[in-house]
């Protein structure tokens, strides 16, 4: 096994000269939020949204222009409306307790999952009967061990899957320690057998 070279120390965000330097490293959401607050950048949204604002700030010295999400045209209320298999999925769709109860009436034990929520978002115009079929197919794929594609922001999940695929006798404790060490080095954050030498470093 060839050793992974010990790279340069991860810089503080404030020491990154530009977005390219910043994006080469892994930062926790708390670090991103702290930097954003200190530079009057918005801290709403997910981790990658905040990171994009910081990248723009590092290159341009100012916050990026506001991007307004298109307003939903449908007034359908997913929190209170009566749902049935014939209900059409609208652009105003929201995960709700109302939706959860409907899905559980169709599929006992149903729980929202990232693949299902992504399917709902991408399938405006279809019906909840279609959504039930999609949820059943997703559940069957999971039961069969078919892995759903990792979402771009789930770097840790992707790293975890690759780690256990390549290190069958690995442990969660070892994985957590390795991930903590690996994210102190430049990306991309894809597991490689060479990463294991990091565990031997003081």
Protein backbone atom coordinates (compact mmCIF):
# COMPACT_ATOMS: atom_id res chain seq x y z
CA UNK A 1 0.00 0.00 0.00
CA UNK A 2 1.48 3.32 -1.02
CA UNK A 3 1.34 6.10 1.52
CA UNK A 4 -0.78 9.16 1.02
CA UNK A 5 1.55 12.13 1.23
CA UNK A 6 0.91 14.37 4.17
CA UNK A 7 -0.27 17.56 2.55
CA UNK A 8 -0.33 21.16 3.71
CA UNK A 9 -2.36 22.17 6.72
CA UNK A 10 -5.94 23.13 6.08
CA UNK A 11 -6.19 26.94 6.08
CA UNK A 12 -8.81 28.94 7.94
CA UNK A 13 -11.47 30.19 5.55
CA UNK A 14 -10.30 33.75 6.22
CA UNK A 15 -6.84 32.79 4.91
CA UNK A 16 -8.15 31.47 1.58
CA UNK A 17 -7.10 33.89 -1.15
CA UNK A 18 -9.80 32.82 -3.59
CA UNK A 19 -12.64 30.38 -4.18
CA UNK A 20 -10.34 27.77 -5.74
CA UNK A 21 -8.29 27.52 -2.54
CA UNK A 22 -11.43 27.48 -0.39
CA UNK A 23 -13.16 24.78 -2.44
CA UNK A 24 -10.15 22.47 -2.28
CA UNK A 25 -10.84 21.86 1.41
CA UNK A 26 -13.60 20.42 3.59
CA UNK A 27 -15.23 22.75 6.12
CA UNK A 28 -17.95 22.02 8.65
CA UNK A 29 -21.22 23.89 8.29
CA UNK A 30 -20.57 25.62 11.62
CA UNK A 31 -17.32 27.04 10.20
CA UNK A 32 -19.10 28.26 7.10
CA UNK A 33 -21.85 29.90 9.15
CA UNK A 34 -19.33 31.63 11.42
CA UNK A 35 -17.45 33.06 8.43
CA UNK A 36 -20.66 34.12 6.71
CA UNK A 37 -21.90 35.93 9.83
CA UNK A 38 -18.58 37.71 10.22
CA UNK A 39 -18.80 39.01 6.64
CA UNK A 40 -22.51 39.85 6.53
CA UNK A 41 -23.41 36.97 4.23
CA UNK A 42 -26.71 35.12 4.45
CA UNK A 43 -26.57 31.95 6.55
CA UNK A 44 -29.88 30.46 5.45
CA UNK A 45 -30.12 27.32 3.35
CA UNK A 46 -27.98 24.23 3.19
CA UNK A 47 -24.24 23.86 3.59
CA UNK A 48 -23.50 24.04 -0.13
CA UNK A 49 -25.60 27.16 -0.57
CA UNK A 50 -23.60 28.92 2.17
CA UNK A 51 -20.35 27.66 0.64
CA UNK A 52 -21.34 29.08 -2.74
CA UNK A 53 -21.91 32.52 -1.16
CA UNK A 54 -18.52 32.36 0.51
CA UNK A 55 -16.81 31.33 -2.74
CA UNK A 56 -18.37 34.30 -4.52
CA UNK A 57 -17.34 36.62 -1.68
CA UNK A 58 -13.71 35.42 -1.78
CA UNK A 59 -13.50 36.11 -5.53
CA UNK A 60 -15.47 39.36 -5.66
CA UNK A 61 -15.29 40.87 -2.18
CA UNK A 62 -19.07 41.10 -1.97
CA UNK A 63 -22.11 38.92 -1.43
CA UNK A 64 -23.57 37.28 -4.56
CA UNK A 65 -26.73 38.78 -6.04
CA UNK A 66 -29.96 37.41 -4.59
CA UNK A 67 -31.44 34.50 -6.48
CA UNK A 68 -35.17 34.31 -5.95
CA UNK A 69 -36.78 30.91 -6.14
CA UNK A 70 -39.71 30.81 -8.54
CA UNK A 71 -43.00 31.08 -6.69
CA UNK A 72 -45.24 28.06 -6.77
CA UNK A 73 -48.18 28.64 -9.07
CA UNK A 74 -50.40 26.08 -7.35
CA UNK A 75 -52.30 27.02 -4.18
CA UNK A 76 -52.82 23.38 -3.21
CA UNK A 77 -52.19 23.00 0.53
CA UNK A 78 -50.27 19.80 1.24
CA UNK A 79 -50.65 20.31 4.97
CA UNK A 80 -54.43 20.19 5.13
CA UNK A 81 -55.95 19.06 1.83
CA UNK A 82 -57.66 15.68 1.54
CA UNK A 83 -55.24 13.38 -0.30
CA UNK A 84 -56.13 10.42 -2.50
CA UNK A 85 -54.35 8.28 -5.11
CA UNK A 86 -55.76 10.63 -7.76
CA UNK A 87 -54.24 13.77 -6.18
CA UNK A 88 -51.90 15.44 -8.66
CA UNK A 89 -48.41 16.39 -7.45
CA UNK A 90 -48.16 20.17 -7.69
CA UNK A 91 -45.27 22.61 -7.74
CA UNK A 92 -46.33 23.62 -4.21
CA UNK A 93 -45.57 20.13 -2.84
CA UNK A 94 -44.20 19.98 0.68
CA UNK A 95 -43.37 17.00 2.89
CA UNK A 96 -45.97 17.13 5.63
CA UNK A 97 -47.61 15.04 8.34
CA UNK A 98 -50.67 15.00 6.10
CA UNK A 99 -48.62 13.43 3.30
CA UNK A 100 -46.96 11.03 5.72
CA UNK A 101 -50.37 9.81 6.94
CA UNK A 102 -51.56 9.28 3.37
CA UNK A 103 -48.46 7.31 2.40
CA UNK A 104 -48.67 5.20 5.55
CA UNK A 105 -52.29 4.38 4.69
CA UNK A 106 -51.00 3.00 1.38
CA UNK A 107 -47.70 1.53 2.60
CA UNK A 108 -47.63 0.48 6.28
CA UNK A 109 -44.43 1.67 7.95
CA UNK A 110 -43.67 4.23 5.24
CA UNK A 111 -40.98 6.81 6.07
CA UNK A 112 -39.74 9.72 4.00
CA UNK A 113 -36.35 9.09 2.39
CA UNK A 114 -34.05 11.26 0.32
CA UNK A 115 -34.68 9.27 -2.90
CA UNK A 116 -38.45 9.51 -2.42
CA UNK A 117 -38.37 13.23 -1.64
CA UNK A 118 -36.20 13.79 -4.73
CA UNK A 119 -38.73 11.79 -6.79
CA UNK A 120 -41.62 13.95 -5.55
CA UNK A 121 -39.75 17.14 -6.40
CA UNK A 122 -38.96 15.91 -9.91
CA UNK A 123 -42.40 14.56 -10.80
CA UNK A 124 -44.84 17.46 -10.75
CA UNK A 125 -47.92 16.47 -12.75
CA UNK A 126 -47.95 12.81 -11.76
CA UNK A 127 -50.36 11.46 -9.14
CA UNK A 128 -49.99 10.09 -5.64
CA UNK A 129 -50.78 6.66 -7.09
CA UNK A 130 -47.53 7.05 -9.05
CA UNK A 131 -45.80 8.20 -5.87
CA UNK A 132 -46.92 5.05 -4.05
CA UNK A 133 -45.46 2.88 -6.82
CA UNK A 134 -42.21 4.89 -6.73
CA UNK A 135 -41.97 4.51 -2.94
CA UNK A 136 -42.50 0.75 -3.24
CA UNK A 137 -39.81 0.50 -5.91
CA UNK A 138 -37.36 2.50 -3.79
CA UNK A 139 -38.09 0.26 -0.77
CA UNK A 140 -37.64 -2.89 -2.87
CA UNK A 141 -34.32 -1.61 -4.22
CA UNK A 142 -33.10 -0.90 -0.69
CA UNK A 143 -34.17 -4.36 0.48
CA UNK A 144 -32.31 -5.91 -2.45
CA UNK A 145 -29.18 -4.00 -1.50
CA UNK A 146 -29.28 -1.73 -4.53
CA UNK A 147 -27.67 1.51 -3.45
CA UNK A 148 -29.34 4.77 -4.36
CA UNK A 149 -27.04 7.43 -5.87
CA UNK A 150 -25.42 9.64 -3.24
CA UNK A 151 -26.57 13.22 -3.19
CA UNK A 152 -23.70 15.65 -3.98
CA UNK A 153 -23.75 17.08 -0.47
CA UNK A 154 -23.54 13.69 1.23
CA UNK A 155 -19.76 13.41 1.08
CA UNK A 156 -19.58 11.52 4.37
CA UNK A 157 -22.19 8.98 3.23
CA UNK A 158 -20.33 8.33 -0.01
CA UNK A 159 -17.04 8.03 1.87
CA UNK A 160 -18.64 5.59 4.34
CA UNK A 161 -19.99 3.34 1.61
CA UNK A 162 -16.66 3.20 -0.20
CA UNK A 163 -14.80 2.57 3.06
CA UNK A 164 -16.85 -0.47 4.05
CA UNK A 165 -16.83 -1.78 0.47
CA UNK A 166 -13.03 -1.77 0.46
CA UNK A 167 -12.39 -2.51 4.15
CA UNK A 168 -14.85 -5.31 5.05
CA UNK A 169 -13.44 -5.68 8.57
CA UNK A 170 -13.48 -1.92 9.22
CA UNK A 171 -15.26 -0.41 12.20
CA UNK A 172 -17.40 2.68 12.72
CA UNK A 173 -14.87 3.99 15.24
CA UNK A 174 -12.05 3.65 12.71
CA UNK A 175 -14.18 5.27 10.00
CA UNK A 176 -15.04 8.28 12.17
CA UNK A 177 -11.38 8.78 13.10
CA UNK A 178 -10.30 8.40 9.47
CA UNK A 179 -12.92 10.86 8.19
CA UNK A 180 -11.84 13.43 10.78
CA UNK A 181 -8.23 13.10 9.61
CA UNK A 182 -9.09 12.97 5.90
CA UNK A 183 -11.13 16.15 5.89
CA UNK A 184 -8.08 18.02 7.18
CA UNK A 185 -6.46 17.36 3.79
CA UNK A 186 -7.38 18.69 0.34
CA UNK A 187 -10.21 17.02 -1.59
CA UNK A 188 -11.70 15.34 -3.44
CA UNK A 189 -13.13 13.41 -0.49
CA UNK A 190 -13.38 9.97 -2.04
CA UNK A 191 -12.15 6.98 -0.02
CA UNK A 192 -8.90 5.43 -1.18
CA UNK A 193 -6.92 2.62 0.46
CA UNK A 194 -4.09 5.13 0.78
CA UNK A 195 -6.19 7.00 3.34
CA UNK A 196 -5.61 4.22 5.87
CA UNK A 197 -2.03 5.36 6.49
CA UNK A 198 -3.48 8.49 8.08
CA UNK A 199 -4.47 6.33 11.05
CA UNK A 200 -0.78 5.74 11.78
CA UNK A 201 0.11 9.42 11.87
CA UNK A 202 0.49 11.11 15.24
